[in-house]
Amino acid sequence: MNKRLFVQITLGLGLVMAVPAMAQAQDAQAKDALARVKAEGVLKVGTETAFAPFDFIDATGEHAGFNVDAFAEVGKELGVKIKWVELPWDGVLPALEAGQFNMVAGPATITKARLERYRFLSPVAEATVAILKGAKDDSIQKPEDIAGKTVGAGKATAQLAQLKTYAATLPKPVEMREYPGFNEAYADLAARRIAAVANSLPNIAYVASKQPGTFAVVKPPFGQKSYFGYIGTKKPDDQALLDAVQTALVKIKSDGRMKKLQEKWFGTAFDTPDVAPEPSF
């Protein structure tokens, strides 16, 4: 066999072997997100870990919270494992759009602007905004007492947006300090570098219950009633997967598992709709 013929045969064999591999790759790309998740056995979920009691790092250094437990149940329903991808909150939604994970736990407040861009699944808790103050601070007895004070909130959060709207109605301007995560805001509040923190009632009620001598909740909540929900994209490729997660969440609600998780992490249960409602803001 001459050298030229040998090279031609070798190249031909290489092409024959490459065709099935290319076909397999194309088949994998053709599958929708649900098929890929099922094939891999893993659902990738993005979140932050500074939003207790939804997501936080516990005393042992482990990721814990309501979302961890809720998605463990979702994983059981789908027959897959959950892989968490942790980022600062202002980077979570851009990372979702970039395809770094399948969906977002968060959760996020359901707003009109977000609904235009993302698909929200069945709400998992209320997200009404309230004020957290220092336990010994008698200068803040009601929400309007934050007028003229410095108040912290999470960067790029619906709670910050609601705080800005509410502050505009007060007689004195409110200085707003934005934080990449709420833990930093709570630390500044404990150190008296700010007067209060605006966050959802479930979050601050949890924080206050864990440190009653440090923090206290100011009631009543302010702002419009809202809900927290899990997020996916509106890409056609993702819809079958999101439908499956939606079905799992509704089942978890209907059989009482969701109520038990809410009572475990929030100290109360929420009557949330099965379908994300049209938000008022």
C-alpha atoms as a PDB file:
ATOM      1  CA  MET A   1       0.000   0.000   0.000  1.00  0.00           C
ATOM      2  CA  ASN A   2       1.462   3.314  -1.013  1.00  0.00           C
ATOM      3  CA  LYS A   3       1.626   6.224   1.367  1.00  0.00           C
ATOM      4  CA  ARG A   4      -1.019   8.306  -0.464  1.00  0.00           C
ATOM      5  CA  LEU A   5      -3.575   5.473  -0.396  1.00  0.00           C
ATOM      6  CA  PHE A   6      -2.907   4.849   3.300  1.00  0.00           C
ATOM      7  CA  VAL A   7      -3.552   8.513   4.108  1.00  0.00           C
ATOM      8  CA  GLN A   8      -6.792   8.490   2.090  1.00  0.00           C
ATOM      9  CA  ILE A   9      -8.061   5.373   3.884  1.00  0.00           C
ATOM     10  CA  THR A  10      -7.142   6.838   7.279  1.00  0.00           C
ATOM     11  CA  LEU A  11      -8.951  10.091   6.525  1.00  0.00           C
ATOM     12  CA  GLY A  12     -11.974   8.158   5.303  1.00  0.00           C
ATOM     13  CA  LEU A  13     -12.157   6.108   8.496  1.00  0.00           C
ATOM     14  CA  GLY A  14     -11.829   9.297  10.512  1.00  0.00           C
ATOM     15  CA  LEU A  15     -14.794  10.811   8.705  1.00  0.00           C
ATOM     16  CA  VAL A  16     -16.892   7.662   9.188  1.00  0.00           C
ATOM     17  CA  MET A  17     -16.181   7.714  12.916  1.00  0.00           C
ATOM     18  CA  ALA A  18     -16.820  11.456  13.170  1.00  0.00           C
ATOM     19  CA  VAL A  19     -20.288  11.298  11.574  1.00  0.00           C
ATOM     20  CA  PRO A  20     -21.960   9.389  14.467  1.00  0.00           C
ATOM     21  CA  ALA A  21     -20.283  11.661  17.014  1.00  0.00           C
ATOM     22  CA  MET A  22     -21.531  14.738  15.177  1.00  0.00           C
ATOM     23  CA  ALA A  23     -25.015  13.240  14.952  1.00  0.00           C
ATOM     24  CA  GLN A  24     -25.041  12.539  18.690  1.00  0.00           C
ATOM     25  CA  ALA A  25     -23.992  16.110  19.425  1.00  0.00           C
ATOM     26  CA  GLN A  26     -26.729  17.446  17.155  1.00  0.00           C
ATOM     27  CA  ASP A  27     -29.287  15.171  18.831  1.00  0.00           C
ATOM     28  CA  ALA A  28     -28.255  16.462  22.237  1.00  0.00           C
ATOM     29  CA  GLN A  29     -28.605  20.055  21.066  1.00  0.00           C
ATOM     30  CA  ALA A  30     -32.008  19.254  19.570  1.00  0.00           C
ATOM     31  CA  LYS A  31     -33.355  18.060  22.930  1.00  0.00           C
ATOM     32  CA  ASP A  32     -35.247  20.612  24.959  1.00  0.00           C
ATOM     33  CA  ALA A  33     -34.149  21.580  28.474  1.00  0.00           C
ATOM     34  CA  LEU A  34     -36.350  18.968  30.163  1.00  0.00           C
ATOM     35  CA  ALA A  35     -34.886  16.171  28.062  1.00  0.00           C
ATOM     36  CA  ARG A  36     -31.337  17.348  28.796  1.00  0.00           C
ATOM     37  CA  VAL A  37     -32.020  17.595  32.538  1.00  0.00           C
ATOM     38  CA  LYS A  38     -33.549  14.116  32.564  1.00  0.00           C
ATOM     39  CA  ALA A  39     -30.655  12.699  30.553  1.00  0.00           C
ATOM     40  CA  GLU A  40     -28.043  14.276  32.841  1.00  0.00           C
ATOM     41  CA  GLY A  41     -30.048  13.618  36.003  1.00  0.00           C
ATOM     42  CA  VAL A  42     -29.284  17.116  37.275  1.00  0.00           C
ATOM     43  CA  LEU A  43     -31.318  20.323  37.560  1.00  0.00           C
ATOM     44  CA  LYS A  44     -29.037  23.355  37.866  1.00  0.00           C
ATOM     45  CA  VAL A  45     -30.519  26.111  40.020  1.00  0.00           C
ATOM     46  CA  GLY A  46     -29.059  29.578  40.546  1.00  0.00           C
ATOM     47  CA  THR A  47     -29.462  31.586  43.734  1.00  0.00           C
ATOM     48  CA  GLU A  48     -27.711  33.785  46.272  1.00  0.00           C
ATOM     49  CA  THR A  49     -26.906  32.606  49.792  1.00  0.00           C
ATOM     50  CA  ALA A  50     -27.481  35.818  51.736  1.00  0.00           C
ATOM     51  CA  PHE A  51     -31.286  35.832  51.854  1.00  0.00           C
ATOM     52  CA  ALA A  52     -32.292  33.926  54.982  1.00  0.00           C
ATOM     53  CA  PRO A  53     -34.450  32.000  55.536  1.00  0.00           C
ATOM     54  CA  PHE A  54     -34.716  31.221  51.808  1.00  0.00           C
ATOM     55  CA  ASP A  55     -30.986  30.682  51.221  1.00  0.00           C
ATOM     56  CA  PHE A  56     -28.073  31.088  53.614  1.00  0.00           C
ATOM     57  CA  ILE A  57     -24.864  29.470  54.819  1.00  0.00           C
ATOM     58  CA  ASP A  58     -25.434  27.796  58.176  1.00  0.00           C
ATOM     59  CA  ALA A  59     -23.066  27.427  61.119  1.00  0.00           C
ATOM     60  CA  THR A  60     -21.497  24.329  59.567  1.00  0.00           C
ATOM     61  CA  GLY A  61     -20.753  26.150  56.323  1.00  0.00           C
ATOM     62  CA  GLU A  62     -23.500  24.376  54.397  1.00  0.00           C
ATOM     63  CA  HIS A  63     -26.082  25.918  52.068  1.00  0.00           C
ATOM     64  CA  ALA A  64     -29.414  25.737  53.913  1.00  0.00           C
ATOM     65  CA  GLY A  65     -32.887  27.270  53.915  1.00  0.00           C
ATOM     66  CA  PHE A  66     -36.396  27.023  52.564  1.00  0.00           C
ATOM     67  CA  ASN A  67     -35.255  26.842  48.939  1.00  0.00           C
ATOM     68  CA  VAL A  68     -32.886  23.961  49.622  1.00  0.00           C
ATOM     69  CA  ASP A  69     -35.725  21.943  51.146  1.00  0.00           C
ATOM     70  CA  ALA A  70     -38.276  22.978  48.504  1.00  0.00           C
ATOM     71  CA  PHE A  71     -36.037  22.049  45.592  1.00  0.00           C
ATOM     72  CA  ALA A  72     -35.154  18.761  47.262  1.00  0.00           C
ATOM     73  CA  GLU A  73     -38.855  17.937  46.922  1.00  0.00           C
ATOM     74  CA  VAL A  74     -38.908  19.192  43.314  1.00  0.00           C
ATOM     75  CA  GLY A  75     -35.927  16.945  42.584  1.00  0.00           C
ATOM     76  CA  LYS A  76     -37.807  13.953  43.988  1.00  0.00           C
ATOM     77  CA  GLU A  77     -40.777  14.697  41.745  1.00  0.00           C
ATOM     78  CA  LEU A  78     -38.605  15.050  38.629  1.00  0.00           C
ATOM     79  CA  GLY A  79     -36.296  12.183  39.548  1.00  0.00           C
ATOM     80  CA  VAL A  80     -33.149  14.350  39.384  1.00  0.00           C
ATOM     81  CA  LYS A  81     -30.515  15.793  41.686  1.00  0.00           C
ATOM     82  CA  ILE A  82     -30.266  19.530  42.387  1.00  0.00           C
ATOM     83  CA  LYS A  83     -27.006  21.330  41.645  1.00  0.00           C
ATOM     84  CA  TRP A  84     -26.785  24.800  43.196  1.00  0.00           C
ATOM     85  CA  VAL A  85     -24.945  27.669  41.517  1.00  0.00           C
ATOM     86  CA  GLU A  86     -24.375  30.523  43.961  1.00  0.00           C
ATOM     87  CA  LEU A  87     -23.887  34.163  42.897  1.00  0.00           C
ATOM     88  CA  PRO A  88     -24.520  37.660  44.296  1.00  0.00           C
ATOM     89  CA  TRP A  89     -28.150  38.541  43.578  1.00  0.00           C
ATOM     90  CA  ASP A  90     -27.421  41.246  41.003  1.00  0.00           C
ATOM     91  CA  GLY A  91     -25.615  38.614  38.922  1.00  0.00           C
ATOM     92  CA  VAL A  92     -28.186  35.813  39.179  1.00  0.00           C
ATOM     93  CA  LEU A  93     -30.678  36.888  36.508  1.00  0.00           C
ATOM     94  CA  PRO A  94     -27.998  37.826  33.940  1.00  0.00           C
ATOM     95  CA  ALA A  95     -26.422  34.404  34.534  1.00  0.00           C
ATOM     96  CA  LEU A  96     -29.813  32.741  33.934  1.00  0.00           C
ATOM     97  CA  GLU A  97     -30.091  34.493  30.578  1.00  0.00           C
ATOM     98  CA  ALA A  98     -26.537  33.413  29.766  1.00  0.00           C
ATOM     99  CA  GLY A  99     -27.520  29.785  30.314  1.00  0.00           C
ATOM    100  CA  GLN A 100     -25.352  29.087  33.373  1.00  0.00           C
ATOM    101  CA  PHE A 101     -28.232  27.200  35.024  1.00  0.00           C
ATOM    102  CA  ASN A 102     -31.768  26.037  34.242  1.00  0.00           C
ATOM    103  CA  MET A 103     -33.728  28.312  36.565  1.00  0.00           C
ATOM    104  CA  VAL A 104     -33.503  30.615  39.578  1.00  0.00           C
ATOM    105  CA  ALA A 105     -34.582  29.818  43.115  1.00  0.00           C
ATOM    106  CA  GLY A 106     -33.932  33.245  44.647  1.00  0.00           C
ATOM    107  CA  PRO A 107     -36.833  33.639  44.974  1.00  0.00           C
ATOM    108  CA  ALA A 108     -37.766  36.982  43.423  1.00  0.00           C
ATOM    109  CA  THR A 109     -40.710  39.278  43.954  1.00  0.00           C
ATOM    110  CA  ILE A 110     -43.158  38.960  41.064  1.00  0.00           C
ATOM    111  CA  THR A 111     -43.349  42.386  39.392  1.00  0.00           C
ATOM    112  CA  LYS A 112     -44.715  43.654  36.088  1.00  0.00           C
ATOM    113  CA  ALA A 113     -41.260  44.444  34.747  1.00  0.00           C
ATOM    114  CA  ARG A 114     -39.948  40.982  35.589  1.00  0.00           C
ATOM    115  CA  LEU A 115     -42.998  39.245  34.147  1.00  0.00           C
ATOM    116  CA  GLU A 116     -42.329  40.917  30.820  1.00  0.00           C
ATOM    117  CA  ARG A 117     -38.898  39.315  30.705  1.00  0.00           C
ATOM    118  CA  TYR A 118     -39.157  36.077  32.685  1.00  0.00           C
ATOM    119  CA  ARG A 119     -41.553  33.269  33.438  1.00  0.00           C
ATOM    120  CA  PHE A 120     -42.561  32.937  37.097  1.00  0.00           C
ATOM    121  CA  LEU A 121     -43.745  29.661  38.549  1.00  0.00           C
ATOM    122  CA  SER A 122     -46.225  29.051  41.360  1.00  0.00           C
ATOM    123  CA  PRO A 123     -45.598  31.577  44.196  1.00  0.00           C
ATOM    124  CA  VAL A 124     -44.059  30.073  47.330  1.00  0.00           C
ATOM    125  CA  ALA A 125     -44.467  32.894  49.894  1.00  0.00           C
ATOM    126  CA  GLU A 126     -45.676  36.451  50.370  1.00  0.00           C
ATOM    127  CA  ALA A 127     -43.164  39.233  49.745  1.00  0.00           C
ATOM    128  CA  THR A 128     -44.768  42.252  51.417  1.00  0.00           C
ATOM    129  CA  VAL A 129     -42.090  44.744  52.527  1.00  0.00           C
ATOM    130  CA  ALA A 130     -41.452  45.778  56.136  1.00  0.00           C
ATOM    131  CA  ILE A 131     -38.816  47.553  58.214  1.00  0.00           C
ATOM    132  CA  LEU A 132     -36.209  45.994  60.494  1.00  0.00           C
ATOM    133  CA  LYS A 133     -34.736  48.249  63.187  1.00  0.00           C
ATOM    134  CA  GLY A 134     -32.399  47.920  66.148  1.00  0.00           C
ATOM    135  CA  ALA A 135     -34.201  46.297  69.090  1.00  0.00           C
ATOM    136  CA  LYS A 136     -33.446  49.251  71.383  1.00  0.00           C
ATOM    137  CA  ASP A 137     -34.187  52.014  68.861  1.00  0.00           C
ATOM    138  CA  ASP A 138     -37.281  53.835  70.119  1.00  0.00           C
ATOM    139  CA  SER A 139     -37.096  56.475  67.390  1.00  0.00           C
ATOM    140  CA  ILE A 140     -38.739  54.131  64.857  1.00  0.00           C
ATOM    141  CA  GLN A 141     -42.161  52.972  66.029  1.00  0.00           C
ATOM    142  CA  LYS A 142     -43.938  52.876  62.665  1.00  0.00           C
ATOM    143  CA  PRO A 143     -42.776  52.711  59.033  1.00  0.00           C
ATOM    144  CA  GLU A 144     -43.056  56.459  58.393  1.00  0.00           C
ATOM    145  CA  ASP A 145     -40.518  57.094  61.166  1.00  0.00           C
ATOM    146  CA  ILE A 146     -37.725  56.248  58.700  1.00  0.00           C
ATOM    147  CA  ALA A 147     -38.188  59.761  57.245  1.00  0.00           C
ATOM    148  CA  GLY A 148     -34.881  61.624  57.465  1.00  0.00           C
ATOM    149  CA  LYS A 149     -32.926  58.446  58.293  1.00  0.00           C
ATOM    150  CA  THR A 150     -30.566  56.090  56.446  1.00  0.00           C
ATOM    151  CA  VAL A 151     -32.136  52.814  55.376  1.00  0.00           C
ATOM    152  CA  GLY A 152     -30.452  49.837  53.743  1.00  0.00           C
ATOM    153  CA  ALA A 153     -31.815  47.446  51.125  1.00  0.00           C
ATOM    154  CA  GLY A 154     -30.524  44.878  48.657  1.00  0.00           C
ATOM    155  CA  LYS A 155     -29.172  46.100  45.347  1.00  0.00           C
ATOM    156  CA  ALA A 156     -31.410  45.370  42.340  1.00  0.00           C
ATOM    157  CA  THR A 157     -34.247  44.051  44.545  1.00  0.00           C
ATOM    158  CA  ALA A 158     -37.974  44.717  44.437  1.00  0.00           C
ATOM    159  CA  GLN A 159     -37.728  45.660  48.110  1.00  0.00           C
ATOM    160  CA  LEU A 160     -35.437  48.550  47.191  1.00  0.00           C
ATOM    161  CA  ALA A 161     -37.886  49.668  44.500  1.00  0.00           C
ATOM    162  CA  GLN A 162     -40.771  49.577  46.985  1.00  0.00           C
ATOM    163  CA  LEU A 163     -38.686  51.484  49.528  1.00  0.00           C
ATOM    164  CA  LYS A 164     -38.016  54.235  46.994  1.00  0.00           C
ATOM    165  CA  THR A 165     -41.710  54.507  46.159  1.00  0.00           C
ATOM    166  CA  TYR A 166     -42.686  54.638  49.826  1.00  0.00           C
ATOM    167  CA  ALA A 167     -39.928  57.096  50.760  1.00  0.00           C
ATOM    168  CA  ALA A 168     -41.195  59.538  48.135  1.00  0.00           C
ATOM    169  CA  THR A 169     -44.407  59.915  50.178  1.00  0.00           C
ATOM    170  CA  LEU A 170     -42.619  60.905  53.400  1.00  0.00           C
ATOM    171  CA  PRO A 171     -42.062  64.511  54.591  1.00  0.00           C
ATOM    172  CA  LYS A 172     -38.272  64.111  54.856  1.00  0.00           C
ATOM    173  CA  PRO A 173     -35.954  62.389  52.381  1.00  0.00           C
ATOM    174  CA  VAL A 174     -34.690  58.901  53.168  1.00  0.00           C
ATOM    175  CA  GLU A 175     -31.033  58.182  52.456  1.00  0.00           C
ATOM    176  CA  MET A 176     -30.868  54.754  50.841  1.00  0.00           C
ATOM    177  CA  ARG A 177     -27.841  52.526  51.053  1.00  0.00           C
ATOM    178  CA  GLU A 178     -27.687  49.631  48.596  1.00  0.00           C
ATOM    179  CA  TYR A 179     -25.957  46.369  49.505  1.00  0.00           C
ATOM    180  CA  PRO A 180     -24.881  43.406  47.348  1.00  0.00           C
ATOM    181  CA  GLY A 181     -26.482  41.125  49.956  1.00  0.00           C
ATOM    182  CA  PHE A 182     -28.798  41.634  52.912  1.00  0.00           C
ATOM    183  CA  ASN A 183     -26.305  40.157  55.384  1.00  0.00           C
ATOM    184  CA  GLU A 184     -24.124  43.222  54.909  1.00  0.00           C
ATOM    185  CA  ALA A 185     -27.139  45.445  55.543  1.00  0.00           C
ATOM    186  CA  TYR A 186     -27.983  43.580  58.750  1.00  0.00           C
ATOM    187  CA  ALA A 187     -24.363  43.901  59.901  1.00  0.00           C
ATOM    188  CA  ASP A 188     -24.447  47.675  59.364  1.00  0.00           C
ATOM    189  CA  LEU A 189     -27.766  47.879  61.214  1.00  0.00           C
ATOM    190  CA  ALA A 190     -26.355  45.934  64.164  1.00  0.00           C
ATOM    191  CA  ALA A 191     -23.358  48.309  64.186  1.00  0.00           C
ATOM    192  CA  ARG A 192     -25.742  51.330  64.008  1.00  0.00           C
ATOM    193  CA  ARG A 193     -24.208  52.569  60.753  1.00  0.00           C
ATOM    194  CA  ILE A 194     -27.744  52.676  59.337  1.00  0.00           C
ATOM    195  CA  ALA A 195     -31.092  53.166  61.088  1.00  0.00           C
ATOM    196  CA  ALA A 196     -33.105  50.379  59.439  1.00  0.00           C
ATOM    197  CA  VAL A 197     -33.292  47.756  56.692  1.00  0.00           C
ATOM    198  CA  ALA A 198     -36.184  47.323  54.246  1.00  0.00           C
ATOM    199  CA  ASN A 199     -36.811  43.736  53.211  1.00  0.00           C
ATOM    200  CA  SER A 200     -39.697  41.303  52.844  1.00  0.00           C
ATOM    201  CA  LEU A 201     -41.623  40.516  56.029  1.00  0.00           C
ATOM    202  CA  PRO A 202     -40.749  36.781  55.942  1.00  0.00           C
ATOM    203  CA  ASN A 203     -37.034  37.597  55.780  1.00  0.00           C
ATOM    204  CA  ILE A 204     -36.860  40.182  58.530  1.00  0.00           C
ATOM    205  CA  ALA A 205     -39.234  38.264  60.789  1.00  0.00           C
ATOM    206  CA  TYR A 206     -36.809  35.333  60.545  1.00  0.00           C
ATOM    207  CA  VAL A 207     -33.765  37.519  61.217  1.00  0.00           C
ATOM    208  CA  ALA A 208     -35.437  39.226  64.192  1.00  0.00           C
ATOM    209  CA  SER A 209     -36.508  35.873  65.659  1.00  0.00           C
ATOM    210  CA  LYS A 210     -32.915  34.643  65.556  1.00  0.00           C
ATOM    211  CA  GLN A 211     -31.496  37.779  67.228  1.00  0.00           C
ATOM    212  CA  PRO A 212     -34.306  39.237  69.383  1.00  0.00           C
ATOM    213  CA  GLY A 213     -31.945  41.375  71.451  1.00  0.00           C
ATOM    214  CA  THR A 214     -30.430  42.921  68.328  1.00  0.00           C
ATOM    215  CA  PHE A 215     -33.285  43.413  65.866  1.00  0.00           C
ATOM    216  CA  ALA A 216     -37.027  44.129  65.911  1.00  0.00           C
ATOM    217  CA  VAL A 217     -39.677  44.247  63.199  1.00  0.00           C
ATOM    218  CA  VAL A 218     -41.578  47.484  62.616  1.00  0.00           C
ATOM    219  CA  LYS A 219     -45.224  46.866  61.753  1.00  0.00           C
ATOM    220  CA  PRO A 220     -47.399  47.189  59.795  1.00  0.00           C
ATOM    221  CA  PRO A 221     -45.674  46.284  56.512  1.00  0.00           C
ATOM    222  CA  PHE A 222     -45.732  48.933  53.807  1.00  0.00           C
ATOM    223  CA  GLY A 223     -46.089  48.733  50.066  1.00  0.00           C
ATOM    224  CA  GLN A 224     -48.386  46.621  47.950  1.00  0.00           C
ATOM    225  CA  LYS A 225     -49.067  42.941  48.559  1.00  0.00           C
ATOM    226  CA  SER A 226     -46.770  40.792  46.483  1.00  0.00           C
ATOM    227  CA  TYR A 227     -45.428  37.256  46.182  1.00  0.00           C
ATOM    228  CA  PHE A 228     -42.127  35.457  45.833  1.00  0.00           C
ATOM    229  CA  GLY A 229     -41.730  33.037  42.934  1.00  0.00           C
ATOM    230  CA  TYR A 230     -39.131  30.935  41.164  1.00  0.00           C
ATOM    231  CA  ILE A 231     -37.918  32.119  37.758  1.00  0.00           C
ATOM    232  CA  GLY A 232     -37.160  30.705  34.333  1.00  0.00           C
ATOM    233  CA  THR A 233     -36.666  32.196  30.905  1.00  0.00           C
ATOM    234  CA  LYS A 234     -39.308  32.555  28.213  1.00  0.00           C
ATOM    235  CA  LYS A 235     -37.197  30.635  25.688  1.00  0.00           C
ATOM    236  CA  PRO A 236     -39.274  27.922  23.942  1.00  0.00           C
ATOM    237  CA  ASP A 237     -36.552  25.401  24.743  1.00  0.00           C
ATOM    238  CA  ASP A 238     -37.110  25.889  28.500  1.00  0.00           C
ATOM    239  CA  GLN A 239     -40.895  25.657  28.684  1.00  0.00           C
ATOM    240  CA  ALA A 240     -41.298  21.882  29.036  1.00  0.00           C
ATOM    241  CA  LEU A 241     -38.860  21.911  31.951  1.00  0.00           C
ATOM    242  CA  LEU A 242     -40.610  24.831  33.629  1.00  0.00           C
ATOM    243  CA  ASP A 243     -43.974  23.117  33.097  1.00  0.00           C
ATOM    244  CA  ALA A 244     -42.600  20.060  34.902  1.00  0.00           C
ATOM    245  CA  VAL A 245     -41.306  22.142  37.826  1.00  0.00           C
ATOM    246  CA  GLN A 246     -44.627  24.012  37.980  1.00  0.00           C
ATOM    247  CA  THR A 247     -46.510  20.703  38.161  1.00  0.00           C
ATOM    248  CA  ALA A 248     -44.160  19.536  40.922  1.00  0.00           C
ATOM    249  CA  LEU A 249     -44.682  22.730  42.958  1.00  0.00           C
ATOM    250  CA  VAL A 250     -48.475  22.494  42.714  1.00  0.00           C
ATOM    251  CA  LYS A 251     -48.322  18.849  43.845  1.00  0.00           C
ATOM    252  CA  ILE A 252     -46.064  19.781  46.770  1.00  0.00           C
ATOM    253  CA  LYS A 253     -48.623  22.411  47.770  1.00  0.00           C
ATOM    254  CA  SER A 254     -51.636  20.139  47.385  1.00  0.00           C
ATOM    255  CA  ASP A 255     -50.266  17.316  49.535  1.00  0.00           C
ATOM    256  CA  GLY A 256     -49.204  19.605  52.399  1.00  0.00           C
ATOM    257  CA  ARG A 257     -45.430  19.467  51.984  1.00  0.00           C
ATOM    258  CA  MET A 258     -45.193  23.163  51.086  1.00  0.00           C
ATOM    259  CA  LYS A 259     -47.160  24.185  54.173  1.00  0.00           C
ATOM    260  CA  LYS A 260     -44.811  22.187  56.413  1.00  0.00           C
ATOM    261  CA  LEU A 261     -41.769  23.854  54.832  1.00  0.00           C
ATOM    262  CA  GLN A 262     -43.290  27.324  55.229  1.00  0.00           C
ATOM    263  CA  GLU A 263     -44.064  26.678  58.891  1.00  0.00           C
ATOM    264  CA  LYS A 264     -40.559  25.301  59.434  1.00  0.00           C
ATOM    265  CA  TRP A 265     -38.750  28.288  57.933  1.00  0.00           C
ATOM    266  CA  PHE A 266     -41.171  31.231  58.378  1.00  0.00           C
ATOM    267  CA  GLY A 267     -43.090  30.200  61.460  1.00  0.00           C
ATOM    268  CA  THR A 268     -46.317  30.522  59.494  1.00  0.00           C
ATOM    269  CA  ALA A 269     -47.956  29.248  56.302  1.00  0.00           C
ATOM    270  CA  PHE A 270     -48.969  31.377  53.315  1.00  0.00           C
ATOM    271  CA  ASP A 271     -52.039  30.922  51.156  1.00  0.00           C
ATOM    272  CA  THR A 272     -50.380  31.429  47.780  1.00  0.00           C
ATOM    273  CA  PRO A 273     -52.003  30.953  44.351  1.00  0.00           C
ATOM    274  CA  ASP A 274     -50.985  28.074  42.112  1.00  0.00           C
ATOM    275  CA  VAL A 275     -50.411  30.422  39.180  1.00  0.00           C
ATOM    276  CA  ALA A 276     -48.379  33.620  39.381  1.00  0.00           C
ATOM    277  CA  PRO A 277     -50.913  36.472  39.698  1.00  0.00           C
ATOM    278  CA  GLU A 278     -50.833  39.709  37.751  1.00  0.00           C
ATOM    279  CA  PRO A 279     -48.774  42.021  39.985  1.00  0.00           C
ATOM    280  CA  SER A 280     -49.949  45.505  40.930  1.00  0.00           C
ATOM    281  CA  PHE A 281     -46.529  47.123  40.456  1.00  0.00           C
END
